Amino acid sequence: INDRVGLPRPLRVPGMNRFSGVMADGTSDALSGVSWQGKRVVVFGMGAFAVENVRTALESGASHVTVVARRLGTICPKMIDYLNFVKPWDEQYRHDPLTNIKQMKCWRDCYIKSGAVAPEVWPGKVKHDGHTISVSDIWFVAHHLGKMCTKVGTLESMVEGGCVLSDGSFLPADIVVGCIGFTRNTTFCEQLTGRTEVMHSNYLDKNMMYLADAEIDETAFNSFFGSSVLEYAKFYTNTYVQAFERPDALGSILWGAAVKRTPVSLRKWTQYIAVAQELIEKDTTMRGLAADQVRERTKHFYRTMSPEAFLEVNRLEWEELHERLNGSPVSKDKQLPYLFGAAPTWCAPPSEVLG
């Protein structure tokens, strides 16, 4: 279950009937028949759906895309996301601080060199609370080529030729896309179970677990789950089996009187990450299951595409993006430099991972 994403919030403002172009929400294939070629596009919002609509517009030939949001979301190059899964972990499931610094420098340089605007919370925080981190290389290449820009603001009204923002400025547009978020889908759990609170362990009661995505708060990605809901689900599925078989050993951590509770509508990733860490620290079997999960996942990544192979493919895609967006070849000296050439050295050698 994903209780973080419910019904999409529609983008509705005065003057929509006067707009001469196309205006639609960026969900449910509402724009599937639209021709983007040569169009000026304005996307409102900066979450994952907004970033996907930006990609669709640019890859389909839009002349320019402007993203307008109340606050700037965090965009992550593909290599950064990959590294979060394959870099070595210590016994507390933390990455090496030195390579983290190198990685963050490359990420920051992507923003600086491309001209993209970093989120307002940097460098103190990686992202705004409540936001996710979207993965996109095209975001940085498009900024570098002058094919897109970002602006802080909200939509006030529509006129025939485009958008009037809350600060009174005007954005000409042929296509306007609304991606301004979703309502929380927390009522399903309440309707299904009659419970309004959940423990930080995901348990509603003994042997009764509510396994669902939650709000991605600030430190959510600092765990061996990485950015994957599936990895979280794997671990807690194993937790459920172990607790069912060994309730005396794990019950106090998972559904005991001291386990913290929260309203279902206020669930956050860091709540169940903290309980996972407690399980790993206090129970040998759970520690072994976590280690097995990370080891097998890392092997899978290496067998599918080792850091060296991922680097070469990602570098090639990065270079090809310039030609695709520009509509003609872009010489190397005019391209946004690829900044992750050293990334494989931050990872274990394949012989160590695969044996």
Protein backbone atom coordinates (compact mmCIF):
# COMPACT_ATOMS: atom_id res chain seq x y z
CA ILE A 1 0.00 0.00 0.00
CA ASN A 2 1.19 3.53 -0.71
CA ASP A 3 -0.43 5.81 1.85
CA ARG A 4 1.75 8.72 0.73
CA VAL A 5 0.06 9.09 -2.68
CA GLY A 6 -3.71 9.36 -2.82
CA LEU A 7 -5.81 11.41 -5.21
CA PRO A 8 -3.92 14.03 -7.25
CA ARG A 9 -4.56 17.66 -6.33
CA PRO A 10 -6.02 19.39 -9.41
CA LEU A 11 -4.53 22.65 -10.66
CA ARG A 12 -7.50 25.02 -10.82
CA VAL A 13 -7.30 28.82 -11.12
CA PRO A 14 -9.38 31.62 -12.64
CA GLY A 15 -9.13 32.18 -16.38
CA MET A 16 -8.48 28.61 -17.46
CA ASN A 17 -11.22 28.86 -20.10
CA ARG A 18 -9.39 31.82 -21.68
CA PHE A 19 -6.12 29.92 -22.17
CA SER A 20 -5.57 29.14 -25.85
CA GLY A 21 -3.19 26.23 -25.28
CA VAL A 22 -3.40 22.83 -23.57
CA MET A 23 -3.79 22.64 -19.80
CA ALA A 24 -4.04 19.34 -17.92
CA ASP A 25 -2.90 17.51 -14.82
CA GLY A 26 0.24 15.47 -15.34
CA THR A 27 -1.23 12.15 -14.23
CA SER A 28 -3.37 9.33 -15.66
CA ASP A 29 -2.21 9.83 -19.28
CA ALA A 30 -4.13 13.10 -19.46
CA LEU A 31 -1.50 14.39 -21.92
CA SER A 32 -1.01 11.19 -23.92
CA GLY A 33 -2.20 12.69 -27.22
CA VAL A 34 -0.42 16.02 -26.94
CA SER A 35 2.23 17.15 -29.43
CA TRP A 36 5.13 18.69 -27.50
CA GLN A 37 7.27 19.53 -30.52
CA GLY A 38 8.42 23.14 -30.43
CA LYS A 39 6.10 24.01 -27.55
CA ARG A 40 6.74 26.26 -24.57
CA VAL A 41 5.84 24.18 -21.51
CA VAL A 42 5.20 25.27 -17.93
CA VAL A 43 5.07 22.57 -15.24
CA PHE A 44 3.69 23.45 -11.81
CA GLY A 45 5.12 21.35 -8.99
CA MET A 46 8.50 19.74 -8.45
CA GLY A 47 7.91 16.22 -7.23
CA ALA A 48 8.47 12.94 -9.06
CA PHE A 49 5.47 13.36 -11.39
CA ALA A 50 6.56 16.88 -12.32
CA VAL A 51 10.08 15.70 -13.13
CA GLU A 52 8.69 12.87 -15.31
CA ASN A 53 6.55 15.36 -17.22
CA VAL A 54 9.62 17.53 -17.73
CA ARG A 55 11.45 14.54 -19.19
CA THR A 56 8.52 13.67 -21.47
CA ALA A 57 8.27 17.25 -22.74
CA LEU A 58 11.99 17.63 -23.43
CA GLU A 59 12.44 14.22 -25.03
CA SER A 60 9.39 14.91 -27.21
CA GLY A 61 10.86 18.11 -28.61
CA ALA A 62 9.56 20.94 -26.40
CA SER A 63 11.43 24.17 -27.13
CA HIS A 64 11.63 25.11 -23.44
CA VAL A 65 10.29 23.96 -20.07
CA THR A 66 9.79 26.19 -17.02
CA VAL A 67 9.15 24.52 -13.68
CA VAL A 68 7.31 26.60 -11.08
CA ALA A 69 7.04 25.41 -7.49
CA ARG A 70 6.42 26.79 -4.00
CA ARG A 71 9.82 25.40 -2.99
CA LEU A 72 12.54 23.73 -4.99
CA GLY A 73 12.73 19.97 -4.83
CA THR A 74 15.94 17.94 -4.87
CA ILE A 75 17.00 16.36 -8.15
CA CYS A 76 19.52 13.54 -8.04
CA PRO A 77 21.78 12.42 -10.91
CA LYS A 78 21.40 8.72 -11.77
CA MET A 79 24.90 7.91 -10.55
CA ILE A 80 24.19 9.27 -7.06
CA ASP A 81 21.14 7.04 -6.75
CA TYR A 82 23.09 4.00 -7.99
CA LEU A 83 25.91 4.63 -5.52
CA ASN A 84 23.44 4.67 -2.64
CA PHE A 85 22.83 0.98 -3.27
CA VAL A 86 26.28 -0.31 -4.20
CA LYS A 87 28.75 1.56 -1.99
CA PRO A 88 30.03 -0.49 0.98
CA TRP A 89 28.28 -0.24 4.35
CA ASP A 90 29.81 -0.44 7.80
CA GLU A 91 28.27 -2.54 10.61
CA GLN A 92 25.83 0.28 11.43
CA TYR A 93 24.83 0.51 7.75
CA ARG A 94 26.52 3.82 7.11
CA HIS A 95 28.52 4.71 4.02
CA ASP A 96 32.11 5.88 4.26
CA PRO A 97 32.06 9.60 5.22
CA LEU A 98 34.96 10.45 2.90
CA THR A 99 33.28 9.06 -0.22
CA ASN A 100 30.01 10.68 0.90
CA ILE A 101 31.80 14.04 0.82
CA LYS A 102 33.21 13.35 -2.66
CA GLN A 103 29.79 12.24 -3.86
CA MET A 104 28.09 15.36 -2.49
CA LYS A 105 30.71 17.57 -4.11
CA CYS A 106 29.96 16.02 -7.51
CA TRP A 107 26.25 16.47 -6.90
CA ARG A 108 26.69 20.11 -5.88
CA ASP A 109 28.90 20.73 -8.92
CA CYS A 110 26.13 19.36 -11.16
CA TYR A 111 23.92 22.16 -9.91
CA ILE A 112 26.61 24.82 -10.17
CA LYS A 113 27.99 23.91 -13.60
CA SER A 114 24.57 23.32 -15.19
CA GLY A 115 22.99 26.50 -13.84
CA ALA A 116 20.20 24.55 -12.14
CA VAL A 117 19.07 26.05 -8.84
CA ALA A 118 19.73 23.91 -5.76
CA PRO A 119 16.96 23.45 -3.19
CA GLU A 120 16.74 26.21 -0.60
CA VAL A 121 17.57 23.81 2.25
CA TRP A 122 21.05 22.99 0.90
CA PRO A 123 23.62 22.46 2.35
CA GLY A 124 22.05 22.01 5.79
CA LYS A 125 19.56 19.39 4.56
CA VAL A 126 19.41 17.24 1.45
CA LYS A 127 15.73 17.91 0.80
CA HIS A 128 12.61 19.57 2.14
CA ASP A 129 10.54 17.55 4.59
CA GLY A 130 7.66 15.90 2.78
CA HIS A 131 9.51 15.91 -0.54
CA THR A 132 11.05 12.91 -2.21
CA ILE A 133 14.27 12.99 -4.23
CA SER A 134 13.72 12.67 -7.97
CA VAL A 135 16.33 10.97 -10.16
CA SER A 136 17.10 12.70 -13.45
CA ASP A 137 20.17 13.42 -15.56
CA ILE A 138 18.13 15.27 -18.18
CA TRP A 139 17.35 17.94 -15.57
CA PHE A 140 20.97 19.08 -15.43
CA VAL A 141 21.76 18.70 -19.13
CA ALA A 142 18.62 20.65 -20.09
CA HIS A 143 19.54 23.51 -17.74
CA HIS A 144 23.03 23.58 -19.25
CA LEU A 145 21.61 23.80 -22.78
CA GLY A 146 19.16 26.56 -21.80
CA LYS A 147 16.20 24.28 -22.48
CA MET A 148 14.69 24.65 -19.02
CA CYS A 149 14.66 26.76 -15.87
CA THR A 150 13.03 26.76 -12.44
CA LYS A 151 11.14 29.49 -10.64
CA VAL A 152 9.72 29.77 -7.12
CA GLY A 153 6.08 30.80 -7.12
CA THR A 154 2.49 29.68 -7.58
CA LEU A 155 -0.08 30.06 -10.36
CA GLU A 156 -2.50 32.95 -9.81
CA SER A 157 -4.53 32.87 -13.03
CA MET A 158 -4.50 32.00 -16.71
CA VAL A 159 -4.82 34.35 -19.68
CA GLU A 160 -4.96 33.57 -23.39
CA GLY A 161 -1.22 33.35 -23.92
CA GLY A 162 0.01 31.82 -20.69
CA CYS A 163 0.30 31.98 -16.92
CA VAL A 164 0.12 34.82 -14.41
CA LEU A 165 2.09 33.97 -11.28
CA SER A 166 1.50 35.07 -7.69
CA ASP A 167 4.20 37.74 -7.97
CA GLY A 168 2.45 39.28 -10.99
CA SER A 169 4.94 37.98 -13.55
CA PHE A 170 3.80 36.41 -16.81
CA LEU A 171 5.00 33.16 -18.37
CA PRO A 172 4.07 32.54 -22.03
CA ALA A 173 2.99 28.95 -22.55
CA ASP A 174 1.56 26.55 -25.09
CA ILE A 175 1.19 23.64 -22.65
CA VAL A 176 0.61 23.90 -18.90
CA VAL A 177 0.96 20.82 -16.70
CA GLY A 178 -0.23 20.56 -13.11
CA CYS A 179 1.70 18.27 -10.76
CA ILE A 180 1.02 19.92 -7.42
CA GLY A 181 0.94 16.85 -5.24
CA PHE A 182 -1.44 14.27 -3.85
CA THR A 183 -3.68 13.91 -0.85
CA ARG A 184 -2.45 11.35 1.70
CA ASN A 185 -4.01 7.92 1.21
CA THR A 186 -4.26 7.12 4.92
CA THR A 187 -7.97 6.47 5.21
CA PHE A 188 -7.72 2.99 3.68
CA CYS A 189 -5.97 1.59 6.73
CA GLU A 190 -8.50 3.19 9.04
CA GLN A 191 -11.44 1.90 7.00
CA LEU A 192 -9.98 -1.59 6.71
CA THR A 193 -8.88 -2.07 10.31
CA GLY A 194 -10.70 0.52 12.39
CA ARG A 195 -7.29 1.67 13.74
CA THR A 196 -6.22 5.31 13.66
CA GLU A 197 -2.77 4.79 15.21
CA VAL A 198 0.17 2.65 14.15
CA MET A 199 3.33 1.77 16.03
CA HIS A 200 6.67 2.94 14.67
CA SER A 201 7.38 -0.73 13.94
CA ASN A 202 4.48 -0.80 11.39
CA TYR A 203 2.43 -2.96 13.76
CA LEU A 204 -1.17 -2.14 14.58
CA ASP A 205 -1.30 -4.93 17.14
CA LYS A 206 0.42 -8.21 17.85
CA ASN A 207 0.78 -10.18 14.58
CA MET A 208 -0.99 -7.36 12.71
CA MET A 209 1.31 -5.28 10.51
CA TYR A 210 0.45 -2.34 8.26
CA LEU A 211 3.13 -2.40 5.56
CA ALA A 212 2.86 0.77 3.51
CA ASP A 213 4.94 3.61 2.16
CA ALA A 214 4.98 6.73 4.34
CA GLU A 215 6.13 10.35 4.31
CA ILE A 216 9.76 10.56 3.27
CA ASP A 217 11.27 12.79 5.92
CA GLU A 218 14.76 14.31 6.08
CA THR A 219 17.01 11.36 6.97
CA ALA A 220 14.93 8.69 5.23
CA PHE A 221 17.64 7.77 2.74
CA ASN A 222 20.31 7.24 5.40
CA SER A 223 19.56 3.55 5.84
CA PHE A 224 20.18 0.30 4.03
CA PHE A 225 16.69 0.61 2.51
CA GLY A 226 18.17 3.33 0.29
CA SER A 227 15.43 4.96 -1.79
CA SER A 228 13.56 1.67 -2.26
CA VAL A 229 10.16 0.90 -0.74
CA LEU A 230 10.71 -2.70 -1.89
CA GLU A 231 13.84 -3.01 0.25
CA TYR A 232 11.90 -1.75 3.25
CA ALA A 233 9.10 -4.22 2.46
CA LYS A 234 11.56 -7.13 2.18
CA PHE A 235 13.05 -6.43 5.58
CA TYR A 236 9.72 -6.00 7.35
CA THR A 237 8.27 -9.10 5.69
CA ASN A 238 11.16 -11.04 7.24
CA THR A 239 10.48 -9.20 10.49
CA TYR A 240 6.86 -10.32 10.48
CA VAL A 241 7.84 -13.96 9.93
CA GLN A 242 10.45 -13.85 12.67
CA ALA A 243 8.11 -12.17 15.13
CA PHE A 244 5.38 -14.70 14.40
CA GLU A 245 7.82 -17.52 15.12
CA ARG A 246 9.65 -15.79 18.02
CA PRO A 247 7.18 -13.42 19.71
CA ASP A 248 8.94 -13.65 23.08
CA ALA A 249 12.21 -12.46 21.51
CA LEU A 250 10.88 -9.63 19.34
CA GLY A 251 7.49 -8.65 20.73
CA SER A 252 8.79 -6.00 23.10
CA ILE A 253 10.46 -4.17 20.19
CA LEU A 254 7.57 -4.51 17.78
CA TRP A 255 4.31 -4.25 19.74
CA GLY A 256 5.32 -3.87 23.40
CA ALA A 257 4.02 -1.14 25.69
CA ALA A 258 7.14 0.98 25.16
CA VAL A 259 6.90 1.04 21.35
CA LYS A 260 6.08 4.56 20.15
CA ARG A 261 2.81 5.20 18.33
CA THR A 262 1.72 7.78 15.81
CA PRO A 263 -1.49 8.61 13.91
CA VAL A 264 -1.60 6.70 10.62
CA SER A 265 -1.74 10.04 8.79
CA LEU A 266 1.61 11.09 10.33
CA ARG A 267 3.71 8.02 9.56
CA LYS A 268 7.29 8.75 8.48
CA TRP A 269 10.13 6.67 7.07
CA THR A 270 12.50 7.46 9.92
CA GLN A 271 10.09 5.93 12.42
CA TYR A 272 10.35 2.42 11.02
CA ILE A 273 14.01 2.90 10.09
CA ALA A 274 14.74 3.48 13.80
CA VAL A 275 12.92 0.29 14.77
CA ALA A 276 14.77 -1.65 12.06
CA GLN A 277 18.05 -0.40 13.50
CA GLU A 278 16.98 -1.49 16.99
CA LEU A 279 16.11 -4.97 15.69
CA ILE A 280 19.51 -5.25 14.03
CA GLU A 281 21.35 -4.11 17.14
CA LYS A 282 19.47 -6.34 19.59
CA ASP A 283 18.72 -9.54 17.67
CA THR A 284 21.34 -11.73 16.02
CA THR A 285 18.90 -13.33 13.57
CA MET A 286 17.56 -9.98 12.37
CA ARG A 287 21.12 -8.71 12.04
CA GLY A 288 21.92 -11.67 9.83
CA LEU A 289 18.80 -11.21 7.71
CA ALA A 290 19.66 -7.54 7.12
CA ALA A 291 23.22 -8.45 6.18
CA ASP A 292 21.97 -11.15 3.78
CA GLN A 293 19.52 -8.72 2.19
CA VAL A 294 22.19 -6.08 1.58
CA ARG A 295 24.75 -8.62 0.37
CA GLU A 296 22.36 -10.25 -2.11
CA ARG A 297 21.11 -6.88 -3.34
CA THR A 298 24.66 -5.67 -3.93
CA LYS A 299 25.51 -8.86 -5.80
CA HIS A 300 22.43 -8.38 -7.96
CA PHE A 301 23.50 -4.83 -8.84
CA TYR A 302 27.04 -5.98 -9.65
CA ARG A 303 25.85 -8.91 -11.77
CA THR A 304 23.39 -6.68 -13.63
CA MET A 305 25.72 -3.70 -14.02
CA SER A 306 28.93 -3.27 -12.05
CA PRO A 307 30.06 0.24 -11.06
CA GLU A 308 32.49 0.29 -14.00
CA ALA A 309 29.79 -0.82 -16.45
CA PHE A 310 27.24 1.61 -15.01
CA LEU A 311 29.77 4.44 -15.34
CA GLU A 312 30.35 3.77 -19.03
CA VAL A 313 26.64 3.45 -19.85
CA ASN A 314 25.71 6.50 -17.78
CA ARG A 315 28.50 8.60 -19.33
CA LEU A 316 27.33 7.64 -22.82
CA GLU A 317 23.70 8.48 -21.99
CA TRP A 318 24.84 11.80 -20.51
CA GLU A 319 26.63 12.72 -23.74
CA GLU A 320 23.78 11.52 -25.98
CA LEU A 321 21.28 13.62 -24.03
CA HIS A 322 22.94 16.75 -25.36
CA GLU A 323 22.33 15.77 -28.98
CA ARG A 324 18.79 14.54 -28.28
CA LEU A 325 17.74 17.78 -26.59
CA ASN A 326 19.64 20.05 -28.92
CA GLY A 327 18.36 18.35 -32.06
CA SER A 328 21.88 18.18 -33.47
CA PRO A 329 25.36 17.11 -32.26
CA VAL A 330 26.95 19.12 -29.43
CA SER A 331 30.74 19.15 -29.32
CA LYS A 332 32.39 17.83 -26.16
CA ASP A 333 33.68 21.25 -25.17
CA LYS A 334 30.12 22.62 -25.22
CA GLN A 335 28.62 19.76 -23.17
CA LEU A 336 28.00 19.75 -19.43
CA PRO A 337 31.04 17.88 -18.07
CA TYR A 338 30.42 14.39 -16.75
CA LEU A 339 31.52 14.58 -13.12
CA PHE A 340 31.39 11.00 -11.84
CA GLY A 341 34.43 9.39 -13.46
CA ALA A 342 35.92 8.42 -10.08
CA ALA A 343 32.72 6.79 -8.77
CA PRO A 344 33.82 3.14 -9.25
CA THR A 345 36.80 3.75 -6.96
CA TRP A 346 34.34 4.49 -4.13
CA CYS A 347 32.91 0.98 -4.45
CA ALA A 348 34.27 -2.47 -3.65
CA PRO A 349 35.93 -4.34 -6.57
CA PRO A 350 33.69 -6.93 -8.30
CA SER A 351 35.92 -9.78 -7.13
CA GLU A 352 35.22 -8.81 -3.50
CA VAL A 353 31.45 -8.60 -3.99
CA LEU A 354 30.90 -11.57 -6.29
CA GLY A 355 33.69 -13.83 -4.96
